[in-house]
Amino acid sequence: NLNCGCPSDRVQSGSFGAILMESP
C-alpha cells in the first residue's frame, strides 16, 4: 500500500505522504 495520507513534517520533507495528493 502506498501512503498518500500521512501529514507529518518528516513525511512532507521527503515529498511523500499527504502532499502526494497534489501530484496524482
PDB file of all heavy atoms in Angstrom:
ATOM      1  N   ASN A   1       0.844  -1.190   0.000  1.00  0.00           N
ATOM      2  CA  ASN A   1       0.000   0.000   0.000  1.00  0.00           C
ATOM      3  C   ASN A   1       0.881   1.242   0.000  1.00  0.00           C
ATOM      4  O   ASN A   1       1.841   1.325   0.768  1.00  0.00           O
ATOM      5  CB  ASN A   1      -0.893  -0.013   1.245  1.00  0.00           C
ATOM      6  CG  ASN A   1      -1.753   1.220   1.379  1.00  0.00           C
ATOM      7  OD1 ASN A   1      -1.363   2.203   2.010  1.00  0.00           O
ATOM      8  ND2 ASN A   1      -2.935   1.188   0.794  1.00  0.00           N
ATOM      9  N   LEU A   2       0.561   2.193  -0.869  1.00  0.00           N
ATOM     10  CA  LEU A   2       1.317   3.439  -0.936  1.00  0.00           C
ATOM     11  C   LEU A   2       0.628   4.506  -0.092  1.00  0.00           C
ATOM     12  O   LEU A   2      -0.557   4.790  -0.283  1.00  0.00           O
ATOM     13  CB  LEU A   2       1.441   3.925  -2.383  1.00  0.00           C
ATOM     14  CG  LEU A   2       2.228   5.234  -2.580  1.00  0.00           C
ATOM     15  CD1 LEU A   2       3.677   5.073  -2.121  1.00  0.00           C
ATOM     16  CD2 LEU A   2       2.169   5.679  -4.034  1.00  0.00           C
ATOM     17  N   ASN A   3       1.380   5.102   0.811  1.00  0.00           N
ATOM     18  CA  ASN A   3       0.844   6.117   1.711  1.00  0.00           C
ATOM     19  C   ASN A   3       0.764   7.464   1.002  1.00  0.00           C
ATOM     20  O   ASN A   3       1.791   8.061   0.662  1.00  0.00           O
ATOM     21  CB  ASN A   3       1.743   6.221   2.954  1.00  0.00           C
ATOM     22  CG  ASN A   3       1.219   7.205   3.983  1.00  0.00           C
ATOM     23  OD1 ASN A   3       0.742   8.284   3.655  1.00  0.00           O
ATOM     24  ND2 ASN A   3       1.328   6.835   5.245  1.00  0.00           N
ATOM     25  N   CYS A   4      -0.455   7.950   0.819  1.00  0.00           N
ATOM     26  CA  CYS A   4      -0.690   9.292   0.286  1.00  0.00           C
ATOM     27  C   CYS A   4      -1.578  10.074   1.256  1.00  0.00           C
ATOM     28  O   CYS A   4      -2.412  10.881   0.842  1.00  0.00           O
ATOM     29  CB  CYS A   4      -1.354   9.232  -1.083  1.00  0.00           C
ATOM     30  SG  CYS A   4      -0.380   8.414  -2.356  1.00  0.00           S
ATOM     31  N   GLY A   5      -1.392   9.807   2.557  1.00  0.00           N
ATOM     32  CA  GLY A   5      -2.264  10.429   3.530  1.00  0.00           C
ATOM     33  C   GLY A   5      -1.602  10.968   4.779  1.00  0.00           C
ATOM     34  O   GLY A   5      -2.209  11.756   5.502  1.00  0.00           O
ATOM     35  N   CYS A   6      -0.360  10.551   5.068  1.00  0.00           N
ATOM     36  CA  CYS A   6       0.281  10.977   6.312  1.00  0.00           C
ATOM     37  C   CYS A   6       0.675  12.449   6.229  1.00  0.00           C
ATOM     38  O   CYS A   6       1.326  12.873   5.273  1.00  0.00           O
ATOM     39  CB  CYS A   6       1.511  10.131   6.586  1.00  0.00           C
ATOM     40  SG  CYS A   6       2.354  10.577   8.133  1.00  0.00           S
ATOM     41  N   PRO A   7       0.301  13.266   7.253  1.00  0.00           N
ATOM     42  CA  PRO A   7       0.556  14.706   7.189  1.00  0.00           C
ATOM     43  C   PRO A   7       1.795  15.187   7.949  1.00  0.00           C
ATOM     44  O   PRO A   7       1.991  16.387   8.077  1.00  0.00           O
ATOM     45  CB  PRO A   7      -0.698  15.283   7.865  1.00  0.00           C
ATOM     46  CG  PRO A   7      -1.021  14.262   8.913  1.00  0.00           C
ATOM     47  CD  PRO A   7      -0.619  12.912   8.336  1.00  0.00           C
ATOM     48  N   SER A   8       2.637  14.288   8.461  1.00  0.00           N
ATOM     49  CA  SER A   8       3.717  14.743   9.333  1.00  0.00           C
ATOM     50  C   SER A   8       4.772  15.542   8.565  1.00  0.00           C
ATOM     51  O   SER A   8       4.962  15.377   7.361  1.00  0.00           O
ATOM     52  CB  SER A   8       4.392  13.548  10.018  1.00  0.00           C
ATOM     53  OG  SER A   8       5.279  12.895   9.135  1.00  0.00           O
ATOM     54  N   ASP A   9       5.457  16.435   9.296  1.00  0.00           N
ATOM     55  CA  ASP A   9       6.510  17.263   8.692  1.00  0.00           C
ATOM     56  C   ASP A   9       7.605  16.411   8.086  1.00  0.00           C
ATOM     57  O   ASP A   9       8.139  16.724   7.019  1.00  0.00           O
ATOM     58  CB  ASP A   9       7.113  18.207   9.742  1.00  0.00           C
ATOM     59  CG  ASP A   9       6.130  19.261  10.207  1.00  0.00           C
ATOM     60  OD1 ASP A   9       5.150  19.514   9.484  1.00  0.00           O
ATOM     61  OD2 ASP A   9       6.333  19.824  11.301  1.00  0.00           O
ATOM     62  N   ARG A  10       7.961  15.327   8.781  1.00  0.00           N
ATOM     63  CA  ARG A  10       9.044  14.467   8.290  1.00  0.00           C
ATOM     64  C   ARG A  10       8.676  13.858   6.942  1.00  0.00           C
ATOM     65  O   ARG A  10       9.499  13.756   6.036  1.00  0.00           O
ATOM     66  CB  ARG A  10       9.323  13.365   9.324  1.00  0.00           C
ATOM     67  CG  ARG A  10      10.468  12.446   8.940  1.00  0.00           C
ATOM     68  CD  ARG A  10      10.815  11.532  10.087  1.00  0.00           C
ATOM     69  NE  ARG A  10       9.722  10.645  10.410  1.00  0.00           N
ATOM     70  CZ  ARG A  10       9.498   9.469   9.800  1.00  0.00           C
ATOM     71  NH1 ARG A  10      10.307   9.081   8.814  1.00  0.00           N
ATOM     72  NH2 ARG A  10       8.501   8.696  10.157  1.00  0.00           N
ATOM     73  N   VAL A  11       7.426  13.467   6.815  1.00  0.00           N
ATOM     74  CA  VAL A  11       6.963  12.885   5.555  1.00  0.00           C
ATOM     75  C   VAL A  11       6.926  13.944   4.452  1.00  0.00           C
ATOM     76  O   VAL A  11       7.343  13.708   3.318  1.00  0.00           O
ATOM     77  CB  VAL A  11       5.577  12.234   5.753  1.00  0.00           C
ATOM     78  CG1 VAL A  11       4.946  11.889   4.430  1.00  0.00           C
ATOM     79  CG2 VAL A  11       5.712  10.980   6.608  1.00  0.00           C
ATOM     80  N   GLN A  12       6.450  15.146   4.801  1.00  0.00           N
ATOM     81  CA  GLN A  12       6.398  16.219   3.802  1.00  0.00           C
ATOM     82  C   GLN A  12       7.785  16.549   3.269  1.00  0.00           C
ATOM     83  O   GLN A  12       7.968  16.784   2.071  1.00  0.00           O
ATOM     84  CB  GLN A  12       5.782  17.478   4.413  1.00  0.00           C
ATOM     85  CG  GLN A  12       4.300  17.394   4.701  1.00  0.00           C
ATOM     86  CD  GLN A  12       3.807  18.692   5.305  1.00  0.00           C
ATOM     87  OE1 GLN A  12       3.971  19.756   4.733  1.00  0.00           O
ATOM     88  NE2 GLN A  12       3.214  18.599   6.486  1.00  0.00           N
ATOM     89  N   SER A  13       8.765  16.572   4.171  1.00  0.00           N
ATOM     90  CA  SER A  13      10.122  16.930   3.741  1.00  0.00           C
ATOM     91  C   SER A  13      10.668  15.911   2.759  1.00  0.00           C
ATOM     92  O   SER A  13      11.554  16.213   1.968  1.00  0.00           O
ATOM     93  CB  SER A  13      11.052  17.053   4.961  1.00  0.00           C
ATOM     94  OG  SER A  13      11.233  15.798   5.594  1.00  0.00           O
ATOM     95  N   GLY A  14      10.149  14.688   2.820  1.00  0.00           N
ATOM     96  CA  GLY A  14      10.557  13.660   1.869  1.00  0.00           C
ATOM     97  C   GLY A  14       9.676  13.617   0.645  1.00  0.00           C
ATOM     98  O   GLY A  14       9.811  12.733  -0.190  1.00  0.00           O
ATOM     99  N   SER A  15       8.748  14.565   0.539  1.00  0.00           N
ATOM    100  CA  SER A  15       7.845  14.672  -0.616  1.00  0.00           C
ATOM    101  C   SER A  15       6.998  13.422  -0.814  1.00  0.00           C
ATOM    102  O   SER A  15       6.790  12.959  -1.928  1.00  0.00           O
ATOM    103  CB  SER A  15       8.641  14.991  -1.893  1.00  0.00           C
ATOM    104  OG  SER A  15       9.294  16.234  -1.771  1.00  0.00           O
ATOM    105  N   PHE A  16       6.524  12.862   0.289  1.00  0.00           N
ATOM    106  CA  PHE A  16       5.557  11.776   0.170  1.00  0.00           C
ATOM    107  C   PHE A  16       4.539  11.905   1.292  1.00  0.00           C
ATOM    108  O   PHE A  16       4.536  12.882   2.035  1.00  0.00           O
ATOM    109  CB  PHE A  16       6.236  10.408   0.144  1.00  0.00           C
ATOM    110  CG  PHE A  16       7.091  10.066   1.334  1.00  0.00           C
ATOM    111  CD1 PHE A  16       6.568   9.346   2.399  1.00  0.00           C
ATOM    112  CD2 PHE A  16       8.431  10.434   1.371  1.00  0.00           C
ATOM    113  CE1 PHE A  16       7.359   9.009   3.482  1.00  0.00           C
ATOM    114  CE2 PHE A  16       9.230  10.095   2.458  1.00  0.00           C
ATOM    115  CZ  PHE A  16       8.696   9.374   3.521  1.00  0.00           C
ATOM    116  N   GLY A  17       3.627  10.942   1.363  1.00  0.00           N
ATOM    117  CA  GLY A  17       2.512  11.092   2.295  1.00  0.00           C
ATOM    118  C   GLY A  17       1.433  11.954   1.668  1.00  0.00           C
ATOM    119  O   GLY A  17       1.219  11.948   0.454  1.00  0.00           O
ATOM    120  N   ALA A  18       0.737  12.744   2.509  1.00  0.00           N
ATOM    121  CA  ALA A  18      -0.427  13.502   2.049  1.00  0.00           C
ATOM    122  C   ALA A  18      -0.096  14.514   0.968  1.00  0.00           C
ATOM    123  O   ALA A  18      -0.948  14.843   0.142  1.00  0.00           O
ATOM    124  CB  ALA A  18      -1.083  14.210   3.242  1.00  0.00           C
ATOM    125  N   ILE A  19       1.133  14.996   0.949  1.00  0.00           N
ATOM    126  CA  ILE A  19       1.495  16.000  -0.050  1.00  0.00           C
ATOM    127  C   ILE A  19       1.378  15.443  -1.471  1.00  0.00           C
ATOM    128  O   ILE A  19       1.251  16.197  -2.448  1.00  0.00           O
ATOM    129  CB  ILE A  19       2.911  16.550   0.225  1.00  0.00           C
ATOM    130  CG1 ILE A  19       3.088  17.925  -0.410  1.00  0.00           C
ATOM    131  CG2 ILE A  19       3.987  15.569  -0.235  1.00  0.00           C
ATOM    132  CD1 ILE A  19       4.324  18.673   0.072  1.00  0.00           C
ATOM    133  N   LEU A  20       1.372  14.119  -1.598  1.00  0.00           N
ATOM    134  CA  LEU A  20       1.216  13.498  -2.916  1.00  0.00           C
ATOM    135  C   LEU A  20      -0.180  13.697  -3.492  1.00  0.00           C
ATOM    136  O   LEU A  20      -0.386  13.488  -4.693  1.00  0.00           O
ATOM    137  CB  LEU A  20       1.539  12.005  -2.844  1.00  0.00           C
ATOM    138  CG  LEU A  20       3.027  11.647  -2.709  1.00  0.00           C
ATOM    139  CD1 LEU A  20       3.204  10.155  -2.521  1.00  0.00           C
ATOM    140  CD2 LEU A  20       3.813  12.137  -3.903  1.00  0.00           C
ATOM    141  N   MET A  21      -1.127  14.126  -2.656  1.00  0.00           N
ATOM    142  CA  MET A  21      -2.451  14.469  -3.194  1.00  0.00           C
ATOM    143  C   MET A  21      -2.350  15.605  -4.209  1.00  0.00           C
ATOM    144  O   MET A  21      -3.225  15.773  -5.058  1.00  0.00           O
ATOM    145  CB  MET A  21      -3.398  14.874  -2.058  1.00  0.00           C
ATOM    146  CG  MET A  21      -3.733  13.778  -1.070  1.00  0.00           C
ATOM    147  SD  MET A  21      -4.563  12.349  -1.804  1.00  0.00           S
ATOM    148  CE  MET A  21      -6.076  13.089  -2.430  1.00  0.00           C
ATOM    149  N   GLU A  22      -1.264  16.375  -4.129  1.00  0.00           N
ATOM    150  CA  GLU A  22      -1.052  17.471  -5.074  1.00  0.00           C
ATOM    151  C   GLU A  22      -0.396  17.005  -6.365  1.00  0.00           C
ATOM    152  O   GLU A  22      -0.273  17.784  -7.314  1.00  0.00           O
ATOM    153  CB  GLU A  22      -0.177  18.554  -4.428  1.00  0.00           C
ATOM    154  CG  GLU A  22      -0.813  19.207  -3.200  1.00  0.00           C
ATOM    155  CD  GLU A  22       0.108  20.238  -2.568  1.00  0.00           C
ATOM    156  OE1 GLU A  22       1.330  20.206  -2.856  1.00  0.00           O
ATOM    157  OE2 GLU A  22      -0.388  21.061  -1.769  1.00  0.00           O
ATOM    158  N   SER A  23       0.013  15.717  -6.408  1.00  0.00           N
ATOM    159  CA  SER A  23       0.775  15.219  -7.564  1.00  0.00           C
ATOM    160  C   SER A  23       0.273  13.854  -8.010  1.00  0.00           C
ATOM    161  O   SER A  23       0.993  12.848  -7.938  1.00  0.00           O
ATOM    162  CB  SER A  23       2.271  15.137  -7.213  1.00  0.00           C
ATOM    163  OG  SER A  23       2.758  16.354  -6.700  1.00  0.00           O
ATOM    164  N   PRO A  24      -0.961  13.780  -8.498  1.00  0.00           N
ATOM    165  CA  PRO A  24      -1.508  12.473  -8.878  1.00  0.00           C
ATOM    166  C   PRO A  24      -0.706  11.778  -9.982  1.00  0.00           C
ATOM    167  O   PRO A  24      -0.654  10.537 -10.026  1.00  0.00           O
ATOM    168  CB  PRO A  24      -2.933  12.792  -9.332  1.00  0.00           C
ATOM    169  CG  PRO A  24      -2.936  14.261  -9.633  1.00  0.00           C
ATOM    170  CD  PRO A  24      -1.947  14.866  -8.696  1.00  0.00           C
TER     171      PRO A  24
END
